[in-house]
Amino acid sequence: MATVTLQQIEGLRYVEQARLDRLKTALERNKLGQFATPPELALSLARYARAHFDEGPVSFLDPAIGTGSFFSALSHAFPANRIRRATGFEVDAVFANTARTLWKTMGLDVIDADFTLQSPNAAYNLIIANPPYVRHHHVAWAEKERLKSRIARSLHIEISGLAGLYCYFLLLCHEWMEERGVAIWLIPSEFMDVNYGAALRRYLTDRVTLLHIHRFSPTDVQFSDALVSSAVVVFRKTPPSVEHRARFSFSGPIDSPGLDGFVDLETLRLSHKWTAFPTATSVATKPDVTLGHLFTIKRGLATGCNKFFVLSKDQVREWDIPRQALRPILPGPRFIASDIVDALPDGSPGLSPRLFLLDSSEPEDVIKSKWPGLHAYLQTGREQGISRSYLASRRAPWYSQEQRPPAPFLCTYMGRARNGKHPFRFIWNRSTATAHNVYLMLYPKGPLLHVLGRDPDAHLQVLRALQDIAPEKLVSEGRVYGGGLHKVEPRELAEISADAVLDRIGHELRIERQESLFP
């Protein structure tokens, strides 16, 4: 009987991976975090491991083995006589059986179990893994509490409930590693910037020696079926020396990056935005005056179901919805061609389409007697289950909305920077329309509010000042996803320097500052 070669097994694995992926919908795989590692990427990481791994036998662990892409790559990169032990955990029985069948002659021990439930065994000196990218809202509350408790006991680290499952996998593997063992993790780069990545960043600076973080360009999506910007995190299980500097690189392959540099640990500990490296080599000084000093910044309102709660003019007429139950609301950014939204005589925006937010605090029995058309429309919402949805079910009554008064200035929440285009737009809203959560709403406060109250014409200067903010400043405070999709949260926008505003109307603001109205 002919011996099956490693290349033949990898060919079979590739075919099986595609077959198994077709068994689930994209939504099902998204909830389970099942995104297969491309073979070329897996092989590049295995070769990187060999180049940086100490001589001697390898004890390999993959806590989310899938069909075995990393074991296949390891077997290509390392001589067979160096692989002393290889173990993979897989919670999906179908994947586990496939991996076991494929690699049974190659020495891979596939354990059909949830890795996070296993008792640790510090017998491994090399981990290469692509853990499941399961967003926190797909992890049950009880499961989060169990995982958080386990991390707290083993590492004395408090981790946010907003962390994705991949964060727990990485931290739990600490107890499975031998001292001086090496770990290479392919994970979403979001942990480098977001608040809920703080536990991971603290672990990487304090508990292990961070060797290298390579961040792929957001436009170079590593997973064809997941819109996620990826990073490779490499560390050794040993406390860092005081003078240690970690390598950061960006763009291109890990062994030949486009940008490269080293950052000392103290700088990393002080920084809350690791994606600034390696372009930056130190922590930027926080500006004296930020947008947060001049504006209260909030996300636009979340209706829970825009398709139901945001109505067109025709729908209002068809269902005979009374004016008392409606508020004007802006359409999405693609319907706003100008950066100034003018108002009609009634205060509503002079835009097409004209949209209205359904919002009433009246009890249903009152609505039924006064406005039968509105009552009939609400019944369609009940039939569709909208009244039982997460947000609606937490409101009383369920068809009332959170209060987001019209904001004079808006910033789009997400966008792409293509052909030199700014990823975010600032808009001056002169209408009485509120906005939903595709916008950030900027409410002037303190000295700026006083200036605008005295001189309404200053609104245009403020708009132009906001538009003067360099795109790279907005991008550096925000976060980025696969495909170059940028996002900025209210707190991140508030951290951006207000120098552009001060340059235009600073003489007026400084008068207010002298009057102790400025922070």
Protein backbone atom coordinates (compact mmCIF):
# COMPACT_ATOMS: atom_id res chain seq x y z
CA MET A 1 0.00 0.00 0.00
CA ALA A 2 1.43 3.37 -1.05
CA THR A 3 2.34 5.83 1.68
CA VAL A 4 0.26 8.99 1.68
CA THR A 5 2.46 12.06 1.56
CA LEU A 6 2.09 15.21 3.61
CA GLN A 7 1.22 17.13 0.43
CA GLN A 8 -1.57 14.66 -0.36
CA ILE A 9 -3.01 14.94 3.16
CA GLU A 10 -2.95 18.73 2.93
CA GLY A 11 -4.78 18.51 -0.40
CA LEU A 12 -7.45 16.34 1.19
CA ARG A 13 -7.66 18.73 4.16
CA TYR A 14 -8.24 21.69 1.87
CA VAL A 15 -11.09 19.88 0.13
CA GLU A 16 -12.62 18.79 3.45
CA GLN A 17 -12.37 22.31 4.84
CA ALA A 18 -14.38 23.66 1.93
CA ARG A 19 -16.95 20.89 2.30
CA LEU A 20 -17.41 21.48 6.02
CA ASP A 21 -17.70 25.23 5.52
CA ARG A 22 -20.60 24.63 3.13
CA LEU A 23 -22.49 22.69 5.81
CA LYS A 24 -23.17 25.90 7.74
CA THR A 25 -24.45 29.27 6.68
CA ALA A 26 -22.20 32.31 6.93
CA LEU A 27 -24.27 33.50 9.91
CA GLU A 28 -23.86 30.16 11.72
CA ARG A 29 -20.10 30.18 11.20
CA ASN A 30 -19.97 33.80 12.34
CA LYS A 31 -21.68 32.94 15.62
CA LEU A 32 -19.30 30.01 16.16
CA GLY A 33 -16.23 32.00 15.08
CA GLN A 34 -15.28 29.35 12.52
CA PHE A 35 -13.01 31.13 10.07
CA ALA A 36 -10.44 28.84 8.46
CA THR A 37 -6.82 29.99 8.26
CA PRO A 38 -5.61 30.27 4.64
CA PRO A 39 -2.90 27.62 4.01
CA GLU A 40 -0.33 30.19 2.83
CA LEU A 41 -0.77 32.24 6.00
CA ALA A 42 -0.57 29.16 8.23
CA LEU A 43 2.66 28.08 6.52
CA SER A 44 4.23 31.55 6.85
CA LEU A 45 3.55 31.53 10.61
CA ALA A 46 4.96 28.01 11.02
CA ARG A 47 8.12 29.02 9.17
CA TYR A 48 8.34 32.15 11.31
CA ALA A 49 8.07 29.91 14.38
CA ARG A 50 10.95 27.74 13.22
CA ALA A 51 13.15 30.77 12.54
CA HIS A 52 12.59 32.07 16.09
CA PHE A 53 12.28 28.80 17.99
CA ASP A 54 14.99 27.34 20.17
CA GLU A 55 16.67 24.14 19.03
CA GLY A 56 15.27 20.94 20.43
CA PRO A 57 12.02 18.98 20.35
CA VAL A 58 8.68 20.70 19.77
CA SER A 59 5.57 20.09 21.86
CA PHE A 60 2.80 21.72 19.83
CA LEU A 61 -0.67 22.81 20.97
CA ASP A 62 -3.56 24.26 19.01
CA PRO A 63 -6.61 24.90 21.23
CA ALA A 64 -8.91 25.32 18.20
CA ILE A 65 -7.50 22.84 15.69
CA GLY A 66 -10.30 22.85 13.11
CA THR A 67 -9.18 20.58 10.27
CA GLY A 68 -5.53 21.01 11.27
CA SER A 69 -4.20 23.84 9.09
CA PHE A 70 -1.53 24.82 11.61
CA PHE A 71 -0.45 21.23 12.25
CA SER A 72 -0.12 20.77 8.51
CA ALA A 73 2.00 23.92 8.30
CA LEU A 74 4.07 22.83 11.31
CA SER A 75 4.77 19.48 9.63
CA HIS A 76 5.99 21.30 6.53
CA ALA A 77 8.19 23.75 8.45
CA PHE A 78 9.77 21.40 11.05
CA PRO A 79 11.49 18.06 10.47
CA ALA A 80 9.30 15.20 11.69
CA ASN A 81 11.95 14.12 14.21
CA ARG A 82 11.65 17.46 16.03
CA ILE A 83 7.90 17.19 16.64
CA ARG A 84 7.78 15.29 19.91
CA ARG A 85 4.13 15.91 20.70
CA ALA A 86 1.15 17.54 18.97
CA THR A 87 -2.28 18.09 20.49
CA GLY A 88 -5.34 19.83 19.14
CA PHE A 89 -8.68 20.58 20.80
CA GLU A 90 -11.84 20.99 18.76
CA VAL A 91 -15.33 21.59 20.15
CA ASP A 92 -17.10 20.82 16.85
CA ALA A 93 -17.32 17.02 16.63
CA VAL A 94 -17.55 17.00 12.83
CA PHE A 95 -14.33 19.01 12.50
CA ALA A 96 -12.63 16.94 15.21
CA ASN A 97 -13.44 13.65 13.46
CA THR A 98 -12.23 15.04 10.14
CA ALA A 99 -8.92 16.21 11.65
CA ARG A 100 -8.45 12.90 13.45
CA THR A 101 -8.98 10.93 10.24
CA LEU A 102 -6.70 13.15 8.20
CA TRP A 103 -3.76 13.22 10.59
CA LYS A 104 -3.96 9.85 12.37
CA THR A 105 -0.72 8.66 10.73
CA MET A 106 1.13 11.90 11.51
CA GLY A 107 0.94 11.81 15.30
CA LEU A 108 -1.63 14.56 15.95
CA ASP A 109 -3.76 13.84 19.02
CA VAL A 110 -7.18 15.40 18.38
CA ILE A 111 -9.34 15.85 21.49
CA ASP A 112 -13.03 16.37 20.81
CA ALA A 113 -13.76 18.84 23.65
CA ASP A 114 -14.19 22.47 24.63
CA PHE A 115 -10.68 23.70 25.38
CA THR A 116 -11.90 26.27 27.92
CA LEU A 117 -13.29 23.46 30.12
CA GLN A 118 -10.06 21.45 30.32
CA SER A 119 -7.60 21.27 33.21
CA PRO A 120 -4.30 22.83 32.12
CA ASN A 121 -1.20 20.76 31.45
CA ALA A 122 1.98 22.85 31.12
CA ALA A 123 3.59 20.47 28.65
CA TYR A 124 3.77 22.58 25.48
CA ASN A 125 6.52 24.85 24.26
CA LEU A 126 4.90 26.01 21.00
CA ILE A 127 1.39 27.29 20.41
CA ILE A 128 0.25 28.41 16.97
CA ALA A 129 -3.43 29.19 16.91
CA ASN A 130 -6.30 31.00 15.26
CA PRO A 131 -8.84 30.97 18.12
CA PRO A 132 -12.58 31.29 17.46
CA TYR A 133 -13.56 34.88 16.73
CA VAL A 134 -16.85 34.86 18.61
CA ARG A 135 -18.17 38.32 19.48
CA HIS A 136 -19.18 38.84 23.11
CA HIS A 137 -22.91 39.06 22.32
CA HIS A 138 -22.80 35.46 21.03
CA VAL A 139 -21.36 34.23 24.36
CA ALA A 140 -23.97 33.43 27.01
CA TRP A 141 -23.83 35.44 30.23
CA ALA A 142 -23.17 32.35 32.38
CA GLU A 143 -20.34 31.30 30.06
CA LYS A 144 -18.76 34.77 30.28
CA GLU A 145 -18.89 34.67 34.06
CA ARG A 146 -17.25 31.24 34.10
CA LEU A 147 -14.46 32.36 31.78
CA LYS A 148 -13.91 35.66 33.61
CA SER A 149 -13.73 33.83 36.92
CA ARG A 150 -11.20 31.35 35.57
CA ILE A 151 -8.97 34.12 34.20
CA ALA A 152 -9.18 35.96 37.51
CA ARG A 153 -8.12 32.83 39.43
CA SER A 154 -5.29 31.79 37.13
CA LEU A 155 -3.77 35.16 36.18
CA HIS A 156 -5.36 37.63 38.61
CA ILE A 157 -6.51 39.66 35.62
CA GLU A 158 -9.96 41.19 35.35
CA ILE A 159 -11.28 40.97 31.81
CA SER A 160 -14.22 42.91 30.41
CA GLY A 161 -17.45 41.15 29.54
CA LEU A 162 -17.21 42.83 26.14
CA ALA A 163 -14.12 40.81 25.20
CA GLY A 164 -14.44 38.29 22.39
CA LEU A 165 -13.87 34.57 22.98
CA TYR A 166 -10.39 34.76 21.41
CA CYS A 167 -9.18 36.85 24.38
CA TYR A 168 -10.09 34.07 26.82
CA PHE A 169 -8.39 31.44 24.67
CA LEU A 170 -5.12 33.35 24.61
CA LEU A 171 -5.10 34.01 28.35
CA LEU A 172 -6.16 30.47 29.29
CA CYS A 173 -3.26 29.03 27.29
CA HIS A 174 -0.78 30.60 29.73
CA GLU A 175 -1.10 27.62 32.07
CA TRP A 176 -0.59 25.15 29.21
CA MET A 177 2.83 26.52 28.26
CA GLU A 178 6.23 25.49 29.49
CA GLU A 179 8.47 28.23 30.79
CA ARG A 180 10.14 29.95 27.85
CA GLY A 181 7.61 28.43 25.50
CA VAL A 182 6.61 30.46 22.43
CA ALA A 183 3.10 31.39 21.39
CA ILE A 184 1.98 32.71 18.00
CA TRP A 185 -1.61 33.89 17.84
CA LEU A 186 -3.56 35.03 14.80
CA ILE A 187 -6.26 37.28 16.27
CA PRO A 188 -8.32 40.37 15.39
CA SER A 189 -6.26 43.54 15.73
CA GLU A 190 -9.11 45.29 17.58
CA PHE A 191 -7.62 44.31 20.96
CA MET A 192 -4.82 46.83 20.29
CA ASP A 193 -7.18 49.80 20.61
CA VAL A 194 -10.46 48.97 22.33
CA ASN A 195 -11.09 49.31 26.05
CA TYR A 196 -11.98 45.65 26.42
CA GLY A 197 -8.54 44.74 25.03
CA ALA A 198 -6.85 46.30 28.07
CA ALA A 199 -6.56 42.94 29.87
CA LEU A 200 -4.75 41.42 26.90
CA ARG A 201 -2.44 44.40 26.52
CA ARG A 202 -1.60 44.29 30.24
CA TYR A 203 -0.85 40.57 30.00
CA LEU A 204 1.47 41.14 27.05
CA THR A 205 3.47 43.87 28.79
CA ASP A 206 3.60 42.46 32.33
CA ARG A 207 3.31 38.67 32.35
CA VAL A 208 5.20 37.53 29.25
CA THR A 209 7.92 38.83 26.95
CA LEU A 210 6.19 40.31 23.94
CA LEU A 211 8.41 39.60 20.95
CA HIS A 212 6.48 40.84 17.94
CA ILE A 213 3.10 42.14 16.85
CA HIS A 214 2.54 42.23 13.12
CA ARG A 215 -0.60 43.96 11.91
CA PHE A 216 -1.84 43.25 8.42
CA SER A 217 -3.07 46.17 6.38
CA PRO A 218 -6.86 46.55 6.86
CA THR A 219 -7.27 46.44 3.08
CA ASP A 220 -5.49 43.07 3.01
CA VAL A 221 -8.22 40.93 4.55
CA GLN A 222 -6.78 37.57 5.62
CA PHE A 223 -10.14 35.79 5.82
CA SER A 224 -12.36 35.96 2.75
CA ASP A 225 -15.44 35.19 4.85
CA ALA A 226 -14.84 37.62 7.75
CA LEU A 227 -14.57 41.39 7.71
CA VAL A 228 -11.85 41.61 10.31
CA SER A 229 -8.44 43.24 10.45
CA SER A 230 -5.90 40.71 11.70
CA ALA A 231 -2.73 40.74 13.73
CA VAL A 232 -0.12 38.15 14.66
CA VAL A 233 0.97 38.27 18.31
CA VAL A 234 4.21 36.49 19.27
CA PHE A 235 5.47 36.16 22.83
CA ARG A 236 7.61 33.99 25.06
CA LYS A 237 6.40 32.76 28.43
CA THR A 238 8.92 34.50 30.62
CA PRO A 239 8.74 37.79 32.52
CA PRO A 240 10.06 40.71 30.47
CA SER A 241 13.29 42.47 31.31
CA VAL A 242 13.11 46.13 32.27
CA GLU A 243 14.86 47.27 29.10
CA HIS A 244 12.92 44.98 26.73
CA ARG A 245 11.57 46.47 23.51
CA ALA A 246 8.87 44.74 21.48
CA ARG A 247 8.92 44.65 17.72
CA PHE A 248 5.92 46.14 15.89
CA SER A 249 5.38 45.84 12.16
CA PHE A 250 2.65 46.72 9.72
CA SER A 251 1.54 45.67 6.23
CA GLY A 252 2.81 42.88 4.05
CA PRO A 253 3.87 39.42 5.27
CA ILE A 254 5.25 38.99 8.78
CA ASP A 255 8.73 38.07 7.54
CA SER A 256 8.92 41.08 5.19
CA PRO A 257 6.74 43.89 6.56
CA GLY A 258 6.23 47.29 5.01
CA LEU A 259 6.92 49.13 8.29
CA ASP A 260 9.02 47.98 11.20
CA GLY A 261 10.12 49.36 14.57
CA PHE A 262 10.68 48.68 18.26
CA VAL A 263 8.72 50.06 21.21
CA ASP A 264 9.75 49.94 24.87
CA LEU A 265 7.36 48.40 27.40
CA GLU A 266 6.77 51.59 29.38
CA THR A 267 5.54 53.31 26.22
CA LEU A 268 3.22 50.39 25.56
CA ARG A 269 1.86 50.48 29.12
CA LEU A 270 1.07 54.17 28.80
CA SER A 271 -0.54 53.91 25.39
CA HIS A 272 -4.18 52.95 24.86
CA LYS A 273 -3.79 52.81 21.06
CA TRP A 274 -1.26 50.20 19.98
CA THR A 275 -2.12 50.54 16.29
CA ALA A 276 -0.15 53.80 16.38
CA PHE A 277 2.99 51.64 16.36
CA PRO A 278 5.40 51.31 14.58
CA THR A 279 4.62 54.64 12.87
CA ALA A 280 4.86 56.25 16.31
CA THR A 281 7.62 55.30 18.74
CA SER A 282 6.32 57.16 21.76
CA VAL A 283 3.01 58.07 23.37
CA ALA A 284 1.55 61.23 21.90
CA THR A 285 1.03 64.03 24.40
CA LYS A 286 -2.65 64.50 25.11
CA PRO A 287 -3.82 67.84 23.68
CA ASP A 288 -4.70 70.62 26.10
CA VAL A 289 -8.07 71.15 24.46
CA THR A 290 -9.99 68.28 22.87
CA LEU A 291 -13.32 68.03 21.10
CA GLY A 292 -14.64 66.57 24.35
CA HIS A 293 -14.03 69.95 26.00
CA LEU A 294 -16.21 71.69 23.42
CA PHE A 295 -18.90 69.11 22.69
CA THR A 296 -20.99 66.49 24.42
CA ILE A 297 -20.71 63.64 21.94
CA LYS A 298 -23.28 60.87 21.78
CA ARG A 299 -24.18 58.12 19.37
CA GLY A 300 -27.40 58.67 17.44
CA LEU A 301 -30.42 56.87 18.80
CA ALA A 302 -30.87 53.14 18.36
CA THR A 303 -34.45 52.27 17.47
CA GLY A 304 -34.07 48.50 17.58
CA CYS A 305 -35.62 48.18 14.12
CA ASN A 306 -35.27 51.10 11.71
CA LYS A 307 -37.41 49.32 9.14
CA PHE A 308 -40.38 49.55 11.50
CA PHE A 309 -39.74 52.71 13.54
CA VAL A 310 -38.49 54.95 10.73
CA LEU A 311 -41.34 55.75 8.34
CA SER A 312 -41.51 57.40 4.95
CA LYS A 313 -43.97 60.14 4.11
CA ASP A 314 -46.05 57.61 2.16
CA GLN A 315 -46.21 55.24 5.14
CA VAL A 316 -47.32 58.07 7.43
CA ARG A 317 -50.11 58.86 4.99
CA GLU A 318 -51.06 55.20 4.41
CA TRP A 319 -51.43 54.39 8.12
CA ASP A 320 -52.74 57.81 9.09
CA ILE A 321 -50.04 58.27 11.73
CA PRO A 322 -50.67 61.46 13.76
CA ARG A 323 -48.05 64.21 13.93
CA GLN A 324 -47.97 63.86 17.73
CA ALA A 325 -46.35 60.42 17.36
CA LEU A 326 -43.68 61.48 14.87
CA ARG A 327 -40.33 63.23 14.96
CA PRO A 328 -38.32 64.16 11.86
CA ILE A 329 -35.18 62.04 11.50
CA LEU A 330 -32.30 62.33 9.06
CA PRO A 331 -31.75 59.71 6.37
CA GLY A 332 -28.43 57.90 6.07
CA PRO A 333 -25.30 59.77 4.92
CA ARG A 334 -25.59 58.63 1.31
CA PHE A 335 -28.79 60.69 1.01
CA ILE A 336 -27.09 63.86 2.25
CA ALA A 337 -25.15 65.32 -0.65
CA SER A 338 -24.23 68.62 1.01
CA ASP A 339 -22.40 69.15 4.28
CA ILE A 340 -25.16 71.54 5.40
CA VAL A 341 -28.71 70.30 6.06
CA ASP A 342 -31.12 73.20 5.65
CA ALA A 343 -34.54 73.31 7.26
CA LEU A 344 -37.98 73.69 5.70
CA PRO A 345 -40.39 76.23 7.23
CA ASP A 346 -41.68 73.60 9.67
CA GLY A 347 -38.12 72.80 10.82
CA SER A 348 -37.87 69.42 9.11
CA PRO A 349 -34.85 68.78 6.86
CA GLY A 350 -35.07 69.72 3.23
CA LEU A 351 -33.93 66.30 2.09
CA SER A 352 -35.26 63.38 0.13
CA PRO A 353 -36.44 60.99 1.36
CA ARG A 354 -38.36 62.71 4.17
CA LEU A 355 -38.34 60.34 7.11
CA PHE A 356 -40.11 60.29 10.44
CA LEU A 357 -39.33 58.52 13.71
CA LEU A 358 -42.24 56.80 15.40
CA ASP A 359 -42.17 57.85 19.05
CA SER A 360 -45.07 58.01 21.49
CA SER A 361 -45.50 57.70 25.23
CA GLU A 362 -49.27 57.27 25.02
CA PRO A 363 -50.70 53.96 26.32
CA GLU A 364 -52.02 51.60 23.65
CA ASP A 365 -55.64 51.84 24.79
CA VAL A 366 -55.47 55.63 24.37
CA ILE A 367 -53.89 55.23 20.93
CA LYS A 368 -56.58 52.74 19.94
CA SER A 369 -59.36 55.22 20.73
CA LYS A 370 -57.67 58.35 19.36
CA TRP A 371 -55.62 57.08 16.41
CA PRO A 372 -56.86 53.71 15.06
CA GLY A 373 -54.41 53.85 12.14
CA LEU A 374 -51.42 54.09 14.47
CA HIS A 375 -52.87 51.31 16.63
CA ALA A 376 -53.22 49.07 13.58
CA TYR A 377 -49.60 49.79 12.62
CA LEU A 378 -48.41 48.91 16.14
CA GLN A 379 -50.22 45.60 15.90
CA THR A 380 -48.14 44.71 12.83
CA GLY A 381 -45.08 45.33 15.00
CA ARG A 382 -46.39 42.93 17.61
CA GLU A 383 -47.09 40.30 14.96
CA GLN A 384 -43.54 40.64 13.62
CA GLY A 385 -42.10 40.24 17.13
CA ILE A 386 -40.61 43.74 17.16
CA SER A 387 -42.22 44.52 20.53
CA ARG A 388 -40.26 41.57 22.00
CA SER A 389 -36.90 42.55 20.48
CA TYR A 390 -34.03 43.45 22.80
CA LEU A 391 -34.30 47.24 22.74
CA ALA A 392 -38.06 47.56 22.30
CA SER A 393 -38.83 45.16 25.14
CA ARG A 394 -36.81 47.33 27.52
CA ARG A 395 -38.78 50.49 26.73
CA ALA A 396 -42.09 51.52 28.25
CA PRO A 397 -44.07 51.65 26.10
CA TRP A 398 -42.13 49.59 23.60
CA TYR A 399 -42.78 52.08 20.78
CA SER A 400 -41.26 55.04 22.66
CA GLN A 401 -37.70 56.10 21.85
CA GLU A 402 -34.65 57.24 23.75
CA GLN A 403 -34.24 60.99 23.83
CA ARG A 404 -31.74 62.32 21.32
CA PRO A 405 -32.62 65.96 20.60
CA PRO A 406 -31.42 67.43 17.29
CA ALA A 407 -27.68 68.10 17.29
CA PRO A 408 -26.27 71.02 15.30
CA PHE A 409 -23.24 68.99 14.23
CA LEU A 410 -22.95 65.38 13.13
CA CYS A 411 -20.13 63.01 12.30
CA THR A 412 -20.63 59.83 10.34
CA TYR A 413 -19.91 56.79 12.48
CA MET A 414 -18.20 54.58 9.88
CA GLY A 415 -16.54 55.05 6.52
CA ARG A 416 -13.80 54.01 4.13
CA ALA A 417 -10.84 56.09 3.03
CA ARG A 418 -10.69 55.48 -0.71
CA ASN A 419 -8.69 57.48 -3.24
CA GLY A 420 -7.66 59.99 -0.60
CA LYS A 421 -11.25 60.47 0.55
CA HIS A 422 -11.84 61.34 4.21
CA PRO A 423 -13.37 58.28 5.96
CA PHE A 424 -15.65 60.45 8.12
CA ARG A 425 -17.96 63.36 7.27
CA PHE A 426 -18.92 66.33 9.43
CA ILE A 427 -22.34 67.85 8.78
CA TRP A 428 -24.04 71.02 10.03
CA ASN A 429 -27.65 70.14 10.84
CA ARG A 430 -29.80 73.28 10.74
CA SER A 431 -33.06 71.31 10.96
CA THR A 432 -35.04 69.94 13.91
CA ALA A 433 -34.36 66.36 12.83
CA THR A 434 -32.73 63.88 15.17
CA ALA A 435 -30.41 61.16 13.89
CA HIS A 436 -30.09 57.41 14.31
CA ASN A 437 -26.95 55.52 15.19
CA VAL A 438 -25.11 55.77 11.89
CA TYR A 439 -24.13 59.23 13.14
CA LEU A 440 -22.36 60.68 16.14
CA MET A 441 -24.17 63.74 17.51
CA LEU A 442 -22.10 66.72 18.67
CA TYR A 443 -23.79 69.09 21.12
CA PRO A 444 -21.79 72.28 21.80
CA LYS A 445 -21.21 73.00 25.48
CA GLY A 446 -19.38 75.40 27.77
CA PRO A 447 -17.46 78.17 25.99
CA LEU A 448 -18.43 77.00 22.52
CA LEU A 449 -22.14 77.04 23.40
CA HIS A 450 -21.77 80.61 24.66
CA VAL A 451 -20.02 81.70 21.47
CA LEU A 452 -22.66 80.13 19.21
CA GLY A 453 -25.42 81.67 21.29
CA ARG A 454 -23.93 85.13 20.79
CA ASP A 455 -23.01 84.64 17.15
CA PRO A 456 -25.09 82.10 15.18
CA ASP A 457 -22.92 82.75 12.11
CA ALA A 458 -20.07 81.02 13.93
CA HIS A 459 -21.74 77.64 13.19
CA LEU A 460 -20.25 77.67 9.69
CA GLN A 461 -16.79 78.36 11.11
CA VAL A 462 -17.17 75.43 13.49
CA LEU A 463 -18.22 73.15 10.64
CA ARG A 464 -15.19 74.17 8.58
CA ALA A 465 -12.95 73.70 11.61
CA LEU A 466 -14.22 70.15 12.12
CA GLN A 467 -13.62 69.45 8.46
CA ASP A 468 -10.08 70.81 8.85
CA ILE A 469 -9.18 67.97 11.23
CA ALA A 470 -6.62 65.81 9.45
CA PRO A 471 -8.00 62.39 8.47
CA GLU A 472 -5.04 60.62 10.08
CA LYS A 473 -5.95 62.13 13.46
CA LEU A 474 -9.47 60.75 13.27
CA VAL A 475 -8.23 57.41 12.02
CA SER A 476 -5.58 57.15 14.74
CA GLU A 477 -8.15 57.61 17.52
CA GLY A 478 -10.70 55.32 15.92
CA ARG A 479 -10.46 51.69 14.93
CA VAL A 480 -10.30 49.86 11.64
CA TYR A 481 -11.81 46.65 10.32
CA GLY A 482 -11.08 44.41 7.37
CA GLY A 483 -11.47 46.02 3.98
CA GLY A 484 -10.36 49.41 5.33
CA LEU A 485 -13.61 50.16 7.15
CA HIS A 486 -12.97 52.82 9.81
CA LYS A 487 -15.12 53.46 12.87
CA VAL A 488 -14.97 56.11 15.57
CA GLU A 489 -16.84 55.95 18.88
CA PRO A 490 -18.02 59.00 20.89
CA ARG A 491 -15.26 58.65 23.47
CA GLU A 492 -12.62 58.34 20.75
CA LEU A 493 -13.86 61.41 18.89
CA ALA A 494 -13.83 63.32 22.17
CA GLU A 495 -10.07 62.63 22.56
CA ILE A 496 -9.14 64.38 19.32
CA SER A 497 -7.42 67.76 19.50
CA ALA A 498 -9.64 70.82 19.09
CA ASP A 499 -6.79 72.88 17.64
CA ALA A 500 -8.64 73.21 14.33
CA VAL A 501 -11.56 74.86 16.13
CA LEU A 502 -9.25 77.10 18.14
CA ASP A 503 -7.49 78.17 14.95
CA ARG A 504 -10.76 79.49 13.52
CA ILE A 505 -12.61 80.93 16.53
CA GLY A 506 -10.04 80.57 19.27
CA HIS A 507 -9.96 84.31 19.99
CA GLU A 508 -13.59 84.11 21.09
CA LEU A 509 -13.09 80.90 23.05
CA ARG A 510 -10.07 82.31 24.84
CA ILE A 511 -12.21 85.20 26.07
CA GLU A 512 -14.51 82.62 27.60
CA ARG A 513 -11.52 80.77 29.06
CA GLN A 514 -10.38 83.93 30.80
CA GLU A 515 -13.84 84.14 32.32
CA SER A 516 -13.23 80.68 33.84
CA LEU A 517 -15.84 79.11 31.60
CA PHE A 518 -13.24 76.93 29.88
CA PRO A 519 -11.96 73.75 31.58
